Amino acid sequence: MHAALRSRIMTVCTQKIAQKGEGVGLSFYAFFANRNDDPARLMEAATWWIETHKLDHFEKATKILAMAIAESDE
């Protein structure tokens, strides 16, 4: 995963957790604007979410944040 996408995932997850608590769920669409202005990055996120990790449509933001942090340590 590109560093920019990983950074965006970490930022969005942190914000959502701060706003709504540790039980908040989100989908990979949460990392993008309502307008599909970066289709390549959207597909990268979808591939990471669906194919690589086989995640459900909605997952806990805390889980996604932990996964992004773990990948940044690699």
C-alpha atoms as a PDB file:
ATOM      1  CA  MET A   1       0.000   0.000   0.000  1.00  0.00           C
ATOM      2  CA  HIS A   2       1.259   3.470  -0.826  1.00  0.00           C
ATOM      3  CA  ALA A   3       2.334   5.564   2.152  1.00  0.00           C
ATOM      4  CA  ALA A   4      -0.154   8.331   1.255  1.00  0.00           C
ATOM      5  CA  LEU A   5      -3.106   5.933   1.405  1.00  0.00           C
ATOM      6  CA  ARG A   6      -1.880   4.384   4.658  1.00  0.00           C
ATOM      7  CA  SER A   7      -1.518   7.858   6.150  1.00  0.00           C
ATOM      8  CA  ARG A   8      -5.050   8.779   5.031  1.00  0.00           C
ATOM      9  CA  ILE A   9      -6.446   5.569   6.557  1.00  0.00           C
ATOM     10  CA  MET A  10      -4.709   6.277   9.852  1.00  0.00           C
ATOM     11  CA  THR A  11      -5.919   9.900   9.905  1.00  0.00           C
ATOM     12  CA  VAL A  12      -9.540   9.049   9.094  1.00  0.00           C
ATOM     13  CA  CYS A  13      -9.680   6.177  11.600  1.00  0.00           C
ATOM     14  CA  THR A  14      -8.203   8.358  14.347  1.00  0.00           C
ATOM     15  CA  GLN A  15     -10.717  11.137  13.610  1.00  0.00           C
ATOM     16  CA  LYS A  16     -13.710   8.779  13.521  1.00  0.00           C
ATOM     17  CA  ILE A  17     -12.676   7.121  16.800  1.00  0.00           C
ATOM     18  CA  ALA A  18     -12.247  10.541  18.452  1.00  0.00           C
ATOM     19  CA  GLN A  19     -15.656  11.703  17.179  1.00  0.00           C
ATOM     20  CA  LYS A  20     -17.774   8.590  17.710  1.00  0.00           C
ATOM     21  CA  GLY A  21     -15.876   6.320  20.072  1.00  0.00           C
ATOM     22  CA  GLU A  22     -14.047   3.032  19.772  1.00  0.00           C
ATOM     23  CA  GLY A  23     -17.105   1.138  18.524  1.00  0.00           C
ATOM     24  CA  VAL A  24     -17.404   3.132  15.296  1.00  0.00           C
ATOM     25  CA  GLY A  25     -17.393   1.147  12.084  1.00  0.00           C
ATOM     26  CA  LEU A  26     -16.469   2.274   8.622  1.00  0.00           C
ATOM     27  CA  SER A  27     -15.978   1.025   5.078  1.00  0.00           C
ATOM     28  CA  PHE A  28     -13.099   1.738   2.730  1.00  0.00           C
ATOM     29  CA  TYR A  29     -15.232   4.469   1.146  1.00  0.00           C
ATOM     30  CA  ALA A  30     -14.660   6.539   4.304  1.00  0.00           C
ATOM     31  CA  PHE A  31     -11.168   7.374   3.069  1.00  0.00           C
ATOM     32  CA  PHE A  32     -12.415   9.198  -0.033  1.00  0.00           C
ATOM     33  CA  ALA A  33     -14.520  12.206  -0.943  1.00  0.00           C
ATOM     34  CA  ASN A  34     -18.047  11.606  -2.210  1.00  0.00           C
ATOM     35  CA  ARG A  35     -16.714  12.291  -5.677  1.00  0.00           C
ATOM     36  CA  ASN A  36     -14.479   9.600  -7.136  1.00  0.00           C
ATOM     37  CA  ASP A  37     -11.546  11.901  -7.900  1.00  0.00           C
ATOM     38  CA  ASP A  38      -8.804   9.264  -7.478  1.00  0.00           C
ATOM     39  CA  PRO A  39      -9.984   5.952  -8.967  1.00  0.00           C
ATOM     40  CA  ALA A  40      -6.536   4.311  -8.786  1.00  0.00           C
ATOM     41  CA  ARG A  41      -6.259   4.954  -5.039  1.00  0.00           C
ATOM     42  CA  LEU A  42      -9.873   3.832  -4.519  1.00  0.00           C
ATOM     43  CA  MET A  43      -9.099   0.547  -6.263  1.00  0.00           C
ATOM     44  CA  GLU A  44      -5.947   0.157  -4.182  1.00  0.00           C
ATOM     45  CA  ALA A  45      -7.983   0.580  -0.997  1.00  0.00           C
ATOM     46  CA  ALA A  46     -10.684  -1.792  -2.244  1.00  0.00           C
ATOM     47  CA  THR A  47      -8.112  -4.436  -3.153  1.00  0.00           C
ATOM     48  CA  TRP A  48      -6.405  -4.109   0.244  1.00  0.00           C
ATOM     49  CA  TRP A  49      -9.758  -4.272   2.051  1.00  0.00           C
ATOM     50  CA  ILE A  50     -11.577  -6.956   0.040  1.00  0.00           C
ATOM     51  CA  GLU A  51      -8.999  -9.174  -1.646  1.00  0.00           C
ATOM     52  CA  THR A  52      -5.976  -8.943   0.623  1.00  0.00           C
ATOM     53  CA  HIS A  53      -7.668  -8.968   4.028  1.00  0.00           C
ATOM     54  CA  LYS A  54     -11.160 -10.297   3.143  1.00  0.00           C
ATOM     55  CA  LEU A  55     -12.816  -7.762   5.436  1.00  0.00           C
ATOM     56  CA  ASP A  56     -16.565  -7.228   5.752  1.00  0.00           C
ATOM     57  CA  HIS A  57     -18.139  -4.124   4.231  1.00  0.00           C
ATOM     58  CA  PHE A  58     -18.065  -2.388   7.631  1.00  0.00           C
ATOM     59  CA  GLU A  59     -15.261  -2.949  10.141  1.00  0.00           C
ATOM     60  CA  LYS A  60     -14.302  -1.317  13.418  1.00  0.00           C
ATOM     61  CA  ALA A  61     -12.085   1.712  12.880  1.00  0.00           C
ATOM     62  CA  THR A  62      -9.834   0.486  15.701  1.00  0.00           C
ATOM     63  CA  LYS A  63      -9.173  -2.749  13.777  1.00  0.00           C
ATOM     64  CA  ILE A  64      -8.382  -0.921  10.529  1.00  0.00           C
ATOM     65  CA  LEU A  65      -6.134   1.556  12.353  1.00  0.00           C
ATOM     66  CA  ALA A  66      -4.190  -1.284  13.977  1.00  0.00           C
ATOM     67  CA  MET A  67      -3.774  -3.004  10.596  1.00  0.00           C
ATOM     68  CA  ALA A  68      -2.502   0.197   8.950  1.00  0.00           C
ATOM     69  CA  ILE A  69      -0.052   0.800  11.807  1.00  0.00           C
ATOM     70  CA  ALA A  70       1.213  -2.769  11.589  1.00  0.00           C
ATOM     71  CA  GLU A  71       1.818  -2.404   7.851  1.00  0.00           C
ATOM     72  CA  SER A  72       3.697   0.859   8.375  1.00  0.00           C
ATOM     73  CA  ASP A  73       6.081  -0.970  10.705  1.00  0.00           C
ATOM     74  CA  GLU A  74       7.007  -3.523   8.042  1.00  0.00           C
END
